[in-house]
Amino acid sequence: MTHTPAQELRAAADKLRQMRFPAAMTATSSTAALIGARLPLADWLDAQAAEPVAATHSSMCPDPACTINAALAVARAINGGPQ
């Protein structure tokens, strides 16, 4: 099934928000920082999925200021899809 960039970004954001870490109380400081970063990262992915970003930019965007490529790479790593 083919997904749009916006769908990939939203799926990754949802996955981050639903993650649970039962051993978080005993996590190292590095692991705790990564766990704490998941919600701001989910917010960023949602912002990238919002109009007009996802509608005007694609994974082939040539604009050097475009962040959609970075967001898609992160989303695909979270979703377990192709990089």
Protein backbone atom coordinates (compact mmCIF):
# COMPACT_ATOMS: atom_id res chain seq x y z
CA MET A 1 0.00 0.00 0.00
CA THR A 2 1.35 3.42 -0.95
CA HIS A 3 1.11 6.19 1.60
CA THR A 4 1.41 9.90 1.06
CA PRO A 5 4.24 11.73 2.84
CA ALA A 6 1.67 13.28 5.19
CA GLN A 7 0.29 9.84 6.09
CA GLU A 8 3.79 8.52 6.79
CA LEU A 9 4.57 11.50 9.01
CA ARG A 10 1.30 11.23 10.96
CA ALA A 11 1.71 7.48 11.43
CA ALA A 12 5.16 7.98 12.93
CA ALA A 13 3.88 10.75 15.21
CA ASP A 14 1.04 8.52 16.42
CA LYS A 15 3.45 5.65 17.01
CA LEU A 16 5.70 7.88 19.13
CA ARG A 17 2.78 9.10 21.22
CA GLN A 18 1.53 5.56 21.86
CA MET A 19 4.90 4.15 22.94
CA ARG A 20 5.17 3.07 26.56
CA PHE A 21 8.39 2.49 28.46
CA PRO A 22 7.80 0.37 31.56
CA ALA A 23 11.48 0.46 32.57
CA ALA A 24 11.82 4.23 32.18
CA MET A 25 12.36 4.71 35.91
CA THR A 26 15.64 2.79 35.70
CA ALA A 27 16.78 4.22 32.35
CA THR A 28 20.16 5.83 31.90
CA SER A 29 20.20 9.58 31.41
CA SER A 30 20.76 9.14 27.66
CA THR A 31 17.82 6.78 27.35
CA ALA A 32 15.67 9.06 29.48
CA ALA A 33 16.51 11.97 27.17
CA LEU A 34 15.46 9.96 24.13
CA ILE A 35 12.21 8.94 25.83
CA GLY A 36 11.57 12.58 26.72
CA ALA A 37 12.22 13.71 23.14
CA ARG A 38 9.50 11.55 21.65
CA LEU A 39 6.61 13.98 22.24
CA PRO A 40 8.35 17.07 20.79
CA LEU A 41 9.49 14.89 17.89
CA ALA A 42 5.89 13.74 17.35
CA ASP A 43 4.78 17.38 17.32
CA TRP A 44 7.44 18.20 14.70
CA LEU A 45 6.35 15.29 12.51
CA ASP A 46 2.72 16.46 12.75
CA ALA A 47 3.79 20.01 11.80
CA GLN A 48 5.61 18.64 8.77
CA ALA A 49 2.50 16.68 7.78
CA ALA A 50 0.28 19.77 7.99
CA GLU A 51 -0.79 21.88 5.05
CA PRO A 52 0.83 23.55 3.21
CA VAL A 53 4.15 21.81 3.97
CA ALA A 54 3.15 18.29 2.93
CA ALA A 55 1.06 19.58 0.03
CA THR A 56 3.76 21.77 -1.49
CA HIS A 57 6.83 19.68 -0.72
CA SER A 58 7.59 16.08 -1.47
CA SER A 59 10.40 13.62 -0.92
CA MET A 60 11.90 14.95 -4.17
CA CYS A 61 11.90 18.60 -3.04
CA PRO A 62 14.98 20.44 -4.38
CA ASP A 63 14.64 23.36 -1.93
CA PRO A 64 17.68 23.23 0.41
CA ALA A 65 15.61 24.81 3.20
CA CYS A 66 12.97 22.10 2.92
CA THR A 67 12.75 19.90 6.00
CA ILE A 68 10.34 17.34 4.56
CA ASN A 69 13.19 15.02 3.53
CA ALA A 70 14.57 14.93 7.06
CA ALA A 71 11.10 14.45 8.52
CA LEU A 72 10.37 11.58 6.12
CA ALA A 73 13.67 9.89 6.95
CA VAL A 74 12.83 10.05 10.66
CA ALA A 75 9.25 8.88 10.06
CA ARG A 76 10.39 5.95 7.94
CA ALA A 77 12.91 4.89 10.58
CA ILE A 78 10.15 4.97 13.22
CA ASN A 79 7.64 3.21 10.97
CA GLY A 80 10.18 0.60 9.86
CA GLY A 81 9.79 1.50 6.20
CA PRO A 82 12.28 2.14 3.42
CA GLN A 83 14.82 4.85 4.12
